[in-house]
Structures are given as structure tokens and as C-alpha cells.
C-alpha atoms as a PDB file:
ATOM      1  CA  MET A   1      19.021  24.845  -6.090  1.00  0.00           C
ATOM      2  CA  VAL A   2      19.517  21.710  -8.085  1.00  0.00           C
ATOM      3  CA  GLN A   3      19.112  20.900 -11.382  1.00  0.00           C
ATOM      4  CA  LEU A   4      17.488  17.569 -12.285  1.00  0.00           C
ATOM      5  CA  GLY A   5      16.211  15.579 -15.249  1.00  0.00           C
ATOM      6  CA  LEU A   6      12.823  13.896 -14.733  1.00  0.00           C
ATOM      7  CA  VAL A   7      11.808  11.262 -17.090  1.00  0.00           C
ATOM      8  CA  GLY A   8       8.024  10.199 -16.630  1.00  0.00           C
ATOM      9  CA  LEU A   9       5.387  12.708 -15.961  1.00  0.00           C
ATOM     10  CA  GLY A  10       2.624  10.389 -15.298  1.00  0.00           C
ATOM     11  CA  LYS A  11       0.237  11.138 -12.137  1.00  0.00           C
ATOM     12  CA  MET A  12       3.446  10.761  -9.551  1.00  0.00           C
ATOM     13  CA  GLY A  13       6.028  12.062 -11.882  1.00  0.00           C
ATOM     14  CA  PHE A  14       3.985  15.281 -12.807  1.00  0.00           C
ATOM     15  CA  ASN A  15       3.645  16.234  -9.469  1.00  0.00           C
ATOM     16  CA  MET A  16       6.746  15.571  -8.192  1.00  0.00           C
ATOM     17  CA  ARG A  17       8.294  18.101 -10.520  1.00  0.00           C
ATOM     18  CA  GLU A  18       5.745  20.544  -9.482  1.00  0.00           C
ATOM     19  CA  ARG A  19       6.851  20.029  -5.874  1.00  0.00           C
ATOM     20  CA  LEU A  20      10.486  20.103  -6.759  1.00  0.00           C
ATOM     21  CA  ARG A  21      10.005  23.396  -8.946  1.00  0.00           C
ATOM     22  CA  ALA A  22       7.914  25.051  -5.899  1.00  0.00           C
ATOM     23  CA  ALA A  23      11.288  24.389  -3.750  1.00  0.00           C
ATOM     24  CA  GLY A  24      13.210  26.240  -6.063  1.00  0.00           C
ATOM     25  CA  HIS A  25      15.003  23.153  -8.159  1.00  0.00           C
ATOM     26  CA  GLU A  26      15.368  23.373 -12.069  1.00  0.00           C
ATOM     27  CA  VAL A  27      13.505  20.478 -13.499  1.00  0.00           C
ATOM     28  CA  VAL A  28      13.606  19.506 -16.805  1.00  0.00           C
ATOM     29  CA  GLY A  29      11.067  16.746 -17.748  1.00  0.00           C
ATOM     30  CA  TYR A  30      10.747  14.300 -20.403  1.00  0.00           C
ATOM     31  CA  ASP A  31       7.444  12.228 -21.335  1.00  0.00           C
ATOM     32  CA  ARG A  32       6.312  10.389 -24.409  1.00  0.00           C
ATOM     33  CA  ASN A  33       2.902  12.924 -23.852  1.00  0.00           C
ATOM     34  CA  VAL A  34       4.328  16.029 -25.487  1.00  0.00           C
ATOM     35  CA  GLU A  35       1.645  18.185 -23.571  1.00  0.00           C
ATOM     36  CA  VAL A  36       3.351  17.939 -20.329  1.00  0.00           C
ATOM     37  CA  SER A  37       6.939  17.131 -21.589  1.00  0.00           C
ATOM     38  CA  ASP A  38       9.677  19.976 -21.508  1.00  0.00           C
ATOM     39  CA  SER A  39      11.961  17.917 -24.180  1.00  0.00           C
ATOM     40  CA  GLY A  40      11.472  16.089 -27.258  1.00  0.00           C
ATOM     41  CA  SER A  41      13.391  13.296 -26.415  1.00  0.00           C
ATOM     42  CA  LEU A  42      15.798  11.543 -23.942  1.00  0.00           C
ATOM     43  CA  ALA A  43      18.884  12.752 -25.669  1.00  0.00           C
ATOM     44  CA  GLU A  44      17.437  16.460 -25.863  1.00  0.00           C
ATOM     45  CA  LEU A  45      16.809  16.220 -22.126  1.00  0.00           C
ATOM     46  CA  VAL A  46      20.444  14.894 -21.328  1.00  0.00           C
ATOM     47  CA  SER A  47      21.783  18.003 -23.353  1.00  0.00           C
ATOM     48  CA  ALA A  48      19.775  20.303 -21.661  1.00  0.00           C
ATOM     49  CA  LEU A  49      21.192  19.620 -18.264  1.00  0.00           C
ATOM     50  CA  GLU A  50      24.728  20.620 -17.140  1.00  0.00           C
ATOM     51  CA  ALA A  51      27.319  17.965 -16.296  1.00  0.00           C
ATOM     52  CA  PRO A  52      27.602  16.228 -13.917  1.00  0.00           C
ATOM     53  CA  ARG A  53      24.049  15.569 -14.340  1.00  0.00           C
ATOM     54  CA  MET A  54      21.565  13.911 -11.961  1.00  0.00           C
ATOM     55  CA  ILE A  55      18.569  12.068 -13.789  1.00  0.00           C
ATOM     56  CA  TRP A  56      15.552  10.636 -11.901  1.00  0.00           C
ATOM     57  CA  VAL A  57      13.190   7.825 -13.462  1.00  0.00           C
ATOM     58  CA  MET A  58       9.797   7.972 -13.271  1.00  0.00           C
ATOM     59  CA  VAL A  59       8.150   5.051 -15.652  1.00  0.00           C
ATOM     60  CA  PRO A  60       6.260   1.603 -15.434  1.00  0.00           C
ATOM     61  CA  ALA A  61       8.275  -0.836 -13.408  1.00  0.00           C
ATOM     62  CA  GLY A  62       9.912  -3.846 -15.565  1.00  0.00           C
ATOM     63  CA  GLU A  63      10.936  -3.647 -19.180  1.00  0.00           C
ATOM     64  CA  ALA A  64       9.862  -0.015 -19.699  1.00  0.00           C
ATOM     65  CA  THR A  65      12.146   1.051 -16.651  1.00  0.00           C
ATOM     66  CA  ARG A  66      15.157  -1.392 -18.169  1.00  0.00           C
ATOM     67  CA  GLN A  67      15.143  -0.082 -21.421  1.00  0.00           C
ATOM     68  CA  THR A  68      14.962   3.528 -20.367  1.00  0.00           C
ATOM     69  CA  VAL A  69      17.838   2.901 -17.942  1.00  0.00           C
ATOM     70  CA  ALA A  70      19.794   1.235 -20.723  1.00  0.00           C
ATOM     71  CA  GLU A  71      19.256   4.539 -23.121  1.00  0.00           C
ATOM     72  CA  LEU A  72      20.385   6.727 -20.965  1.00  0.00           C
ATOM     73  CA  GLY A  73      23.457   4.557 -20.060  1.00  0.00           C
ATOM     74  CA  ASP A  74      24.434   5.479 -23.739  1.00  0.00           C
ATOM     75  CA  LEU A  75      23.876   9.106 -23.204  1.00  0.00           C
ATOM     76  CA  LEU A  76      24.919   9.964 -19.768  1.00  0.00           C
ATOM     77  CA  SER A  77      28.351  10.682 -19.208  1.00  0.00           C
ATOM     78  CA  GLU A  78      31.286   9.534 -16.327  1.00  0.00           C
ATOM     79  CA  GLY A  79      30.160  11.433 -12.927  1.00  0.00           C
ATOM     80  CA  ASP A  80      26.519  11.689 -13.747  1.00  0.00           C
ATOM     81  CA  LEU A  81      23.756   9.863 -11.530  1.00  0.00           C
ATOM     82  CA  LEU A  82      20.727   7.924 -12.464  1.00  0.00           C
ATOM     83  CA  ILE A  83      17.764   7.639  -9.896  1.00  0.00           C
ATOM     84  CA  ASP A  84      15.366   4.831 -10.654  1.00  0.00           C
ATOM     85  CA  GLY A  85      12.062   6.070  -8.172  1.00  0.00           C
ATOM     86  CA  GLY A  86       9.515   3.485  -9.777  1.00  0.00           C
ATOM     87  CA  ASN A  87       8.469   0.453  -8.376  1.00  0.00           C
ATOM     88  CA  SER A  88      10.872  -1.832 -10.160  1.00  0.00           C
ATOM     89  CA  ARG A  89      11.922  -5.385  -8.459  1.00  0.00           C
ATOM     90  CA  TYR A  90      14.810  -4.888  -6.341  1.00  0.00           C
ATOM     91  CA  THR A  91      16.551  -7.795  -8.583  1.00  0.00           C
ATOM     92  CA  ASP A  92      16.743  -5.113 -11.337  1.00  0.00           C
ATOM     93  CA  ASP A  93      18.873  -2.500  -9.279  1.00  0.00           C
ATOM     94  CA  GLN A  94      21.912  -4.518  -9.023  1.00  0.00           C
ATOM     95  CA  LEU A  95      21.975  -5.467 -13.103  1.00  0.00           C
ATOM     96  CA  ASN A  96      21.300  -1.598 -13.564  1.00  0.00           C
ATOM     97  CA  ALA A  97      23.747  -0.482 -11.391  1.00  0.00           C
ATOM     98  CA  GLU A  98      26.451  -2.699 -12.895  1.00  0.00           C
ATOM     99  CA  LEU A  99      25.625  -1.698 -16.289  1.00  0.00           C
ATOM    100  CA  LEU A 100      25.768   2.428 -15.497  1.00  0.00           C
ATOM    101  CA  ALA A 101      29.047   1.332 -13.628  1.00  0.00           C
ATOM    102  CA  GLY A 102      30.754   0.619 -16.580  1.00  0.00           C
ATOM    103  CA  LYS A 103      30.101   3.917 -17.853  1.00  0.00           C
ATOM    104  CA  GLY A 104      31.313   5.725 -14.612  1.00  0.00           C
ATOM    105  CA  VAL A 105      27.353   6.606 -14.045  1.00  0.00           C
ATOM    106  CA  GLY A 106      26.170   6.396 -10.448  1.00  0.00           C
ATOM    107  CA  TYR A 107      22.940   4.625  -9.384  1.00  0.00           C
ATOM    108  CA  LEU A 108      20.497   4.911  -6.671  1.00  0.00           C
ATOM    109  CA  ASP A 109      17.059   2.937  -6.116  1.00  0.00           C
ATOM    110  CA  VAL A 110      14.104   4.931  -4.436  1.00  0.00           C
ATOM    111  CA  GLY A 111      11.190   3.515  -3.186  1.00  0.00           C
ATOM    112  CA  VAL A 112       8.733   6.597  -3.184  1.00  0.00           C
ATOM    113  CA  SER A 113       5.339   6.339  -1.448  1.00  0.00           C
ATOM    114  CA  GLY A 114       2.542   9.392  -1.245  1.00  0.00           C
ATOM    115  CA  GLY A 115       0.713   8.780  -4.898  1.00  0.00           C
ATOM    116  CA  VAL A 116      -1.374  11.689  -5.858  1.00  0.00           C
ATOM    117  CA  TRP A 117      -1.166  13.378  -2.606  1.00  0.00           C
ATOM    118  CA  GLY A 118       2.686  13.823  -2.559  1.00  0.00           C
ATOM    119  CA  LYS A 119       2.514  16.937  -3.960  1.00  0.00           C
ATOM    120  CA  ASP A 120       1.127  18.868  -1.141  1.00  0.00           C
ATOM    121  CA  ASN A 121       1.565  15.979   1.693  1.00  0.00           C
ATOM    122  CA  GLY A 122       5.488  15.079   0.598  1.00  0.00           C
ATOM    123  CA  TYR A 123       6.705  11.630  -0.121  1.00  0.00           C
ATOM    124  CA  GLY A 124       8.210   8.610   1.733  1.00  0.00           C
ATOM    125  CA  LEU A 125      11.109   7.937   0.421  1.00  0.00           C
ATOM    126  CA  MET A 126      13.486   4.809   0.785  1.00  0.00           C
ATOM    127  CA  VAL A 127      16.639   4.632  -0.675  1.00  0.00           C
ATOM    128  CA  GLY A 128      19.151   2.295  -1.625  1.00  0.00           C
ATOM    129  CA  GLY A 129      22.865   3.013  -2.894  1.00  0.00           C
ATOM    130  CA  ASP A 130      26.279   4.583  -2.149  1.00  0.00           C
ATOM    131  CA  LYS A 131      26.391   7.248   0.773  1.00  0.00           C
ATOM    132  CA  ALA A 132      28.029   9.701  -1.620  1.00  0.00           C
ATOM    133  CA  ASN A 133      25.369   9.304  -4.104  1.00  0.00           C
ATOM    134  CA  VAL A 134      22.459   9.740  -1.587  1.00  0.00           C
ATOM    135  CA  ASP A 135      24.534  12.895   0.074  1.00  0.00           C
ATOM    136  CA  ARG A 136      24.617  14.263  -3.480  1.00  0.00           C
ATOM    137  CA  ALA A 137      20.655  13.900  -4.331  1.00  0.00           C
ATOM    138  CA  MET A 138      19.844  14.945  -0.582  1.00  0.00           C
ATOM    139  CA  PRO A 139      18.781  18.353  -1.851  1.00  0.00           C
ATOM    140  CA  ILE A 140      15.991  16.668  -4.054  1.00  0.00           C
ATOM    141  CA  PHE A 141      15.261  13.933  -1.176  1.00  0.00           C
ATOM    142  CA  ASP A 142      14.540  16.953   1.308  1.00  0.00           C
ATOM    143  CA  SER A 143      12.406  18.568  -0.912  1.00  0.00           C
ATOM    144  CA  LEU A 144      10.403  15.511  -1.579  1.00  0.00           C
ATOM    145  CA  ARG A 145       9.938  14.117   1.639  1.00  0.00           C
ATOM    146  CA  PRO A 146       7.511  15.521   4.206  1.00  0.00           C
ATOM    147  CA  ASP A 147       7.748  18.317   6.655  1.00  0.00           C
ATOM    148  CA  GLY A 148       9.387  17.525   9.593  1.00  0.00           C
ATOM    149  CA  PRO A 149      12.209  15.212  11.096  1.00  0.00           C
ATOM    150  CA  ARG A 150      14.082  13.811   8.222  1.00  0.00           C
ATOM    151  CA  GLU A 151      14.103  10.387   9.490  1.00  0.00           C
ATOM    152  CA  GLU A 152      10.432  10.226   9.523  1.00  0.00           C
ATOM    153  CA  GLY A 153       9.839  10.651   6.082  1.00  0.00           C
ATOM    154  CA  PHE A 154      13.465   9.211   4.647  1.00  0.00           C
ATOM    155  CA  ALA A 155      15.529   6.321   5.162  1.00  0.00           C
ATOM    156  CA  HIS A 156      18.892   5.565   3.210  1.00  0.00           C
ATOM    157  CA  ALA A 157      17.790   1.569   3.748  1.00  0.00           C
ATOM    158  CA  GLY A 158      20.972   0.106   2.423  1.00  0.00           C
ATOM    159  CA  SER A 159      23.279  -0.830  -0.562  1.00  0.00           C
ATOM    160  CA  VAL A 160      21.555  -0.634  -3.832  1.00  0.00           C
ATOM    161  CA  GLY A 161      18.288  -2.938  -4.110  1.00  0.00           C
ATOM    162  CA  ALA A 162      17.597  -1.860  -0.548  1.00  0.00           C
ATOM    163  CA  GLY A 163      15.167   1.143  -1.408  1.00  0.00           C
ATOM    164  CA  HIS A 164      13.045  -0.873  -3.808  1.00  0.00           C
ATOM    165  CA  TYR A 165      12.985  -3.940  -1.140  1.00  0.00           C
ATOM    166  CA  ALA A 166      11.507  -1.604   1.659  1.00  0.00           C
ATOM    167  CA  LYS A 167       9.102  -0.278  -0.683  1.00  0.00           C
ATOM    168  CA  MET A 168       8.157  -3.549  -1.568  1.00  0.00           C
ATOM    169  CA  VAL A 169       7.401  -4.627   1.940  1.00  0.00           C
ATOM    170  CA  HIS A 170       5.843  -1.253   2.743  1.00  0.00           C
ATOM    171  CA  ASN A 171       3.447  -2.127  -0.055  1.00  0.00           C
ATOM    172  CA  GLY A 172       2.890  -5.766   1.040  1.00  0.00           C
ATOM    173  CA  ILE A 173       1.863  -4.315   4.697  1.00  0.00           C
ATOM    174  CA  GLU A 174      -0.506  -1.860   2.330  1.00  0.00           C
ATOM    175  CA  TYR A 175      -2.092  -4.797   0.893  1.00  0.00           C
ATOM    176  CA  GLY A 176      -2.765  -6.312   4.493  1.00  0.00           C
ATOM    177  CA  LEU A 177      -4.199  -2.828   5.992  1.00  0.00           C
ATOM    178  CA  MET A 178      -6.561  -2.166   3.216  1.00  0.00           C
ATOM    179  CA  GLN A 179      -7.903  -5.811   3.298  1.00  0.00           C
ATOM    180  CA  ALA A 180      -8.378  -5.333   6.964  1.00  0.00           C
ATOM    181  CA  TYR A 181     -10.416  -2.047   6.641  1.00  0.00           C
ATOM    182  CA  ALA A 182     -12.389  -3.755   3.752  1.00  0.00           C
ATOM    183  CA  GLU A 183     -13.467  -6.790   5.747  1.00  0.00           C
ATOM    184  CA  GLY A 184     -14.506  -4.512   8.478  1.00  0.00           C
ATOM    185  CA  PHE A 185     -16.513  -2.364   6.319  1.00  0.00           C
ATOM    186  CA  GLU A 186     -18.366  -5.065   5.054  1.00  0.00           C
ATOM    187  CA  LEU A 187     -18.880  -6.827   8.172  1.00  0.00           C
ATOM    188  CA  LEU A 188     -20.641  -3.350   9.524  1.00  0.00           C
ATOM    189  CA  GLU A 189     -22.679  -3.319   6.514  1.00  0.00           C
ATOM    190  CA  ALA A 190     -23.905  -6.884   6.923  1.00  0.00           C
ATOM    191  CA  ALA A 191     -24.740  -6.925  10.236  1.00  0.00           C
ATOM    192  CA  LYS A 192     -27.671  -4.411  10.336  1.00  0.00           C
ATOM    193  CA  VAL A 193     -27.158  -3.726  13.787  1.00  0.00           C
ATOM    194  CA  VAL A 194     -25.022  -0.527  12.972  1.00  0.00           C
ATOM    195  CA  GLU A 195     -27.455   1.860  11.094  1.00  0.00           C
ATOM    196  CA  ASP A 196     -24.815   4.357   9.994  1.00  0.00           C
ATOM    197  CA  VAL A 197     -21.660   2.467   8.579  1.00  0.00           C
ATOM    198  CA  PRO A 198     -19.728   5.587   7.315  1.00  0.00           C
ATOM    199  CA  ALA A 199     -20.620   7.581  10.773  1.00  0.00           C
ATOM    200  CA  VAL A 200     -18.812   4.603  12.465  1.00  0.00           C
ATOM    201  CA  ILE A 201     -15.713   4.639  10.399  1.00  0.00           C
ATOM    202  CA  THR A 202     -15.311   8.032  10.552  1.00  0.00           C
ATOM    203  CA  ALA A 203     -15.266   8.123  14.270  1.00  0.00           C
ATOM    204  CA  TRP A 204     -12.377   6.048  14.109  1.00  0.00           C
ATOM    205  CA  GLN A 205      -9.978   8.562  12.710  1.00  0.00           C
ATOM    206  CA  ARG A 206      -9.185  10.343  16.143  1.00  0.00           C
ATOM    207  CA  GLY A 207      -8.635   8.756  19.582  1.00  0.00           C
ATOM    208  CA  THR A 208      -8.588   4.958  18.410  1.00  0.00           C
ATOM    209  CA  VAL A 209      -5.498   2.461  17.565  1.00  0.00           C
ATOM    210  CA  VAL A 210      -6.968   1.842  13.945  1.00  0.00           C
ATOM    211  CA  ARG A 211      -6.562   5.486  12.931  1.00  0.00           C
ATOM    212  CA  SER A 212      -4.414   5.950   9.828  1.00  0.00           C
ATOM    213  CA  TRP A 213      -4.156   7.644   6.676  1.00  0.00           C
ATOM    214  CA  LEU A 214      -5.421   4.577   4.889  1.00  0.00           C
ATOM    215  CA  LEU A 215      -8.667   4.859   7.260  1.00  0.00           C
ATOM    216  CA  GLU A 216      -8.586   8.799   6.140  1.00  0.00           C
ATOM    217  CA  LEU A 217      -8.732   7.593   2.534  1.00  0.00           C
ATOM    218  CA  LEU A 218     -11.420   5.406   3.284  1.00  0.00           C
ATOM    219  CA  VAL A 219     -13.684   8.010   5.266  1.00  0.00           C
ATOM    220  CA  ARG A 220     -13.060  10.198   2.034  1.00  0.00           C
ATOM    221  CA  ALA A 221     -14.298   7.214  -0.153  1.00  0.00           C
ATOM    222  CA  LEU A 222     -17.442   6.852   1.770  1.00  0.00           C
ATOM    223  CA  GLN A 223     -18.176  10.957   1.688  1.00  0.00           C
ATOM    224  CA  GLU A 224     -18.686  10.657  -1.937  1.00  0.00           C
ATOM    225  CA  ASP A 225     -20.441   7.255  -2.071  1.00  0.00           C
ATOM    226  CA  PRO A 226     -21.657   6.098   1.448  1.00  0.00           C
ATOM    227  CA  ASP A 227     -22.008   2.651   0.220  1.00  0.00           C
ATOM    228  CA  LEU A 228     -19.676   2.180  -2.330  1.00  0.00           C
ATOM    229  CA  ASP A 229     -22.347   1.349  -4.847  1.00  0.00           C
ATOM    230  CA  ASP A 230     -20.641   2.984  -7.605  1.00  0.00           C
ATOM    231  CA  LEU A 231     -17.417   0.507  -7.967  1.00  0.00           C
ATOM    232  CA  GLU A 232     -17.023  -2.739  -8.970  1.00  0.00           C
ATOM    233  CA  GLY A 233     -15.406  -5.273  -6.473  1.00  0.00           C
ATOM    234  CA  TYR A 234     -12.755  -5.785  -9.156  1.00  0.00           C
ATOM    235  CA  VAL A 235      -8.864  -5.203  -7.684  1.00  0.00           C
ATOM    236  CA  GLU A 236      -5.768  -5.525  -9.410  1.00  0.00           C
ATOM    237  CA  ASP A 237      -2.121  -5.710  -7.980  1.00  0.00           C
ATOM    238  CA  SER A 238       1.099  -4.288  -9.093  1.00  0.00           C
ATOM    239  CA  GLY A 239       3.259  -6.849  -8.253  1.00  0.00           C
ATOM    240  CA  GLU A 240       4.607  -5.624  -5.158  1.00  0.00           C
ATOM    241  CA  GLY A 241       2.590  -7.997  -3.058  1.00  0.00           C
ATOM    242  CA  ARG A 242       3.489 -10.949  -5.092  1.00  0.00           C
ATOM    243  CA  TRP A 243       7.142 -10.351  -4.761  1.00  0.00           C
ATOM    244  CA  THR A 244       6.717  -9.632  -1.082  1.00  0.00           C
ATOM    245  CA  LEU A 245       5.147 -13.335  -0.617  1.00  0.00           C
ATOM    246  CA  GLU A 246       7.891 -14.860  -2.705  1.00  0.00           C
ATOM    247  CA  GLU A 247      10.670 -12.908  -0.311  1.00  0.00           C
ATOM    248  CA  ALA A 248       8.654 -14.313   2.842  1.00  0.00           C
ATOM    249  CA  ILE A 249       8.787 -17.875   1.208  1.00  0.00           C
ATOM    250  CA  ASN A 250      12.955 -17.609   0.311  1.00  0.00           C
ATOM    251  CA  HIS A 251      13.255 -16.769   3.976  1.00  0.00           C
ATOM    252  CA  ALA A 252      10.843 -18.659   5.774  1.00  0.00           C
ATOM    253  CA  VAL A 253       9.061 -15.912   7.234  1.00  0.00           C
ATOM    254  CA  PRO A 254       5.297 -16.565   8.033  1.00  0.00           C
ATOM    255  CA  ALA A 255       3.170 -13.947   6.028  1.00  0.00           C
ATOM    256  CA  PRO A 256      -0.343 -15.226   6.219  1.00  0.00           C
ATOM    257  CA  VAL A 257      -2.141 -11.551   6.203  1.00  0.00           C
ATOM    258  CA  ILE A 258      -0.044 -10.392   3.180  1.00  0.00           C
ATOM    259  CA  SER A 259      -0.561 -13.792   1.418  1.00  0.00           C
ATOM    260  CA  ALA A 260      -4.637 -13.423   2.624  1.00  0.00           C
ATOM    261  CA  ALA A 261      -4.815 -10.031   1.172  1.00  0.00           C
ATOM    262  CA  LEU A 262      -3.370 -10.971  -2.167  1.00  0.00           C
ATOM    263  CA  PHE A 263      -5.660 -14.014  -2.670  1.00  0.00           C
ATOM    264  CA  ALA A 264      -8.663 -11.800  -1.883  1.00  0.00           C
ATOM    265  CA  ARG A 265      -7.594  -9.789  -4.670  1.00  0.00           C
ATOM    266  CA  PHE A 266      -7.586 -12.824  -7.051  1.00  0.00           C
ATOM    267  CA  SER A 267     -10.835 -13.742  -6.035  1.00  0.00           C
ATOM    268  CA  SER A 268     -12.427 -10.177  -6.716  1.00  0.00           C
ATOM    269  CA  ARG A 269     -11.487 -10.856 -10.391  1.00  0.00           C
ATOM    270  CA  GLN A 270     -13.808 -14.079 -10.638  1.00  0.00           C
ATOM    271  CA  LYS A 271     -16.723 -13.596 -12.252  1.00  0.00           C
ATOM    272  CA  ASP A 272     -17.382 -17.637 -11.389  1.00  0.00           C
ATOM    273  CA  SER A 273     -15.187 -19.441  -9.586  1.00  0.00           C
ATOM    274  CA  SER A 274     -14.175 -23.229 -10.228  1.00  0.00           C
ATOM    275  CA  ALA A 275     -12.824 -23.684  -6.735  1.00  0.00           C
ATOM    276  CA  MET A 276     -15.993 -22.695  -5.416  1.00  0.00           C
ATOM    277  CA  ARG A 277     -18.266 -24.159  -7.796  1.00  0.00           C
ATOM    278  CA  ALA A 278     -16.276 -27.856  -6.502  1.00  0.00           C
ATOM    279  CA  VAL A 279     -16.910 -26.635  -2.713  1.00  0.00           C
ATOM    280  CA  ALA A 280     -20.819 -26.407  -3.170  1.00  0.00           C
ATOM    281  CA  ALA A 281     -20.635 -29.671  -5.273  1.00  0.00           C
ATOM    282  CA  LEU A 282     -18.705 -31.399  -2.515  1.00  0.00           C
ATOM    283  CA  ARG A 283     -20.808 -30.011   0.340  1.00  0.00           C
ATOM    284  CA  ASN A 284     -23.993 -31.169  -1.908  1.00  0.00           C
ATOM    285  CA  GLN A 285     -22.301 -34.802  -1.939  1.00  0.00           C
ATOM    286  CA  PHE A 286     -20.977 -35.332   1.202  1.00  0.00           C
ATOM    287  CA  GLY A 287     -24.034 -33.545   3.235  1.00  0.00           C
ATOM    288  CA  GLY A 288     -27.080 -33.219   0.889  1.00  0.00           C
ATOM    289  CA  HIS A 289     -26.235 -29.459   1.077  1.00  0.00           C
ATOM    290  CA  SER A 290     -28.623 -27.158  -1.290  1.00  0.00           C
ATOM    291  CA  VAL A 291     -27.019 -25.824  -4.032  1.00  0.00           C
ATOM    292  CA  LYS A 292     -27.811 -22.975  -6.288  1.00  0.00           C
ATOM    293  CA  LYS A 293     -28.065 -24.119 -10.141  1.00  0.00           C
ATOM    294  CA  VAL A 294     -27.044 -21.600 -13.131  1.00  0.00           C
ATOM    295  CA  GLY A 295     -29.553 -19.437 -13.933  1.00  0.00           C
ATOM    296  CA  GLU A 296     -31.710 -19.574 -10.286  1.00  0.00           C
END
């Protein structure tokens, strides 16, 4: 049994607390939502833990995480360990590690995949940091990861920053896979020769090379709404796809699939595209092709 402080009890943090408690660990949580929080403040959380402490942060990436790390840095003591399990950009990790190192506090960055299903299925974990700190937190990692061989759900990816870098690339790949399934769905619907699109996609789950958990989730969505008519085709991006493309550019690595998937998300947010209006105008100008006027 290990004692852990957990900061951030949102969709993933809350379920992580439940999974860890079910495994026999003592978890003290803090969240601004008093209805789910075990403590009233970060200071109260730190006071409730026995030294040397271990605290896992699961708050939104960016300034929220940086502020939380800085505040905890003022509260923690030499020998404590802080783990950032959010979707922080890997470049933030070295800064966080250096800040905490000056206080004698260890730091790990962990890319976490599993979403709302992780409580029951476990979470894929990609960790960056010193081996000694990884070994210290391994009871927590082993309880969070899926059942089965450790290497199939956990990786010590490298030094500080490697965990979040690995998760960034993971999410970039996810963009591409989701876009491919989405385009296939649209083509099946548009062709009309296939009369039962959900049945076809459901049949892909066994024995085909495109089977995956993402496909299973698409099947689940189609069971709830066979034509997906209840949804708008508006898709946000949480940042990892952009960062992946920036890294691909920095390293001169071609990433056409991931880039196309990201740009498709941008397109989904345009009610009226200036670019496509320009394309329509050009086709009309050089070829006399018909155009659709506003209001028609």
C-alpha cells in the first residue's frame, strides 16, 4: 500500500482515485470542487500526507499546471516526489523539474491514456524521469496500468520530458486514426450501395486489420445514434496534434496524415470558409463553372 496525494479530480482524476483505492492504496484528493475533494486546499493536502510525500497532479495543461507545480513546490519538502500526469507540453517538464530540484523535490512526467474508461480497463502510461523516482512510484503505476504484462501498458520512456513527448505523438497518431475512420464512415454513407453502414463497421471488429479500440468506440456511438444525426460536425483540438506537427517540422519528419487530420478539425469549425468561397470564385472565373449564391 502506498500513500498518494492526487490534485485534480475531474473526469480522469476522479476515476484514477477510485481505481487506486480499489487496489488498496491510500489516496488523498484535492479539487476546487468541494463535493469531490478530500481536503480544503493544497496546503491541507500536503499536511495530510506522511513524508516523504508523493503527489500526482491531474489538472489542465499550461498555466494551470505550472501554477499548481509552483505552489506545491513551496509546500513540499526535500525527498518528496511530484508527478505531472496531465497533457503538459514536454518543454514545460524540464522547467518544472529544475524548479523542484532546487528544493530537493523529485519530478516525473507521465503521459496517461485511457480516458473515462481507465477506471475499469486501466491506463496506458508513458513515464519520463529518473529511474529511482520511477521505481519509487511503480506501485502506483502498476495499479493504474491495464492488467497483463507491464511492458504492454507501461513504458519508462526516458528522462524528464520523455513521457509527455511520447503521449504527444500518441495523440497525434490518434488524430489520424480517428480521421480515417470518420472518412470511411462518410464514404459508406454517401455511396448508398451499402444499405446498413453500422452493420459493416460493426463487422470490422473481428478478423480485420482495421480493428481497434477506437473502432469499438465508433460502433458504440453508432449503436446510440446510427446516423450520428444528434451531433454537429464541430471538433476541437486539445493541443497535442499541433505540438506533434511542430515537432515533425523541427525534425524534418513527414507527417501528412496527422497534419491532414488536424486541418480537418479546423475545417469543421468554419461555418463559412473564405478559402472555399475563393475556390468557387476561381472555378467560375476560369471555367465558367456554376456557383451557389448566398441565400440560394
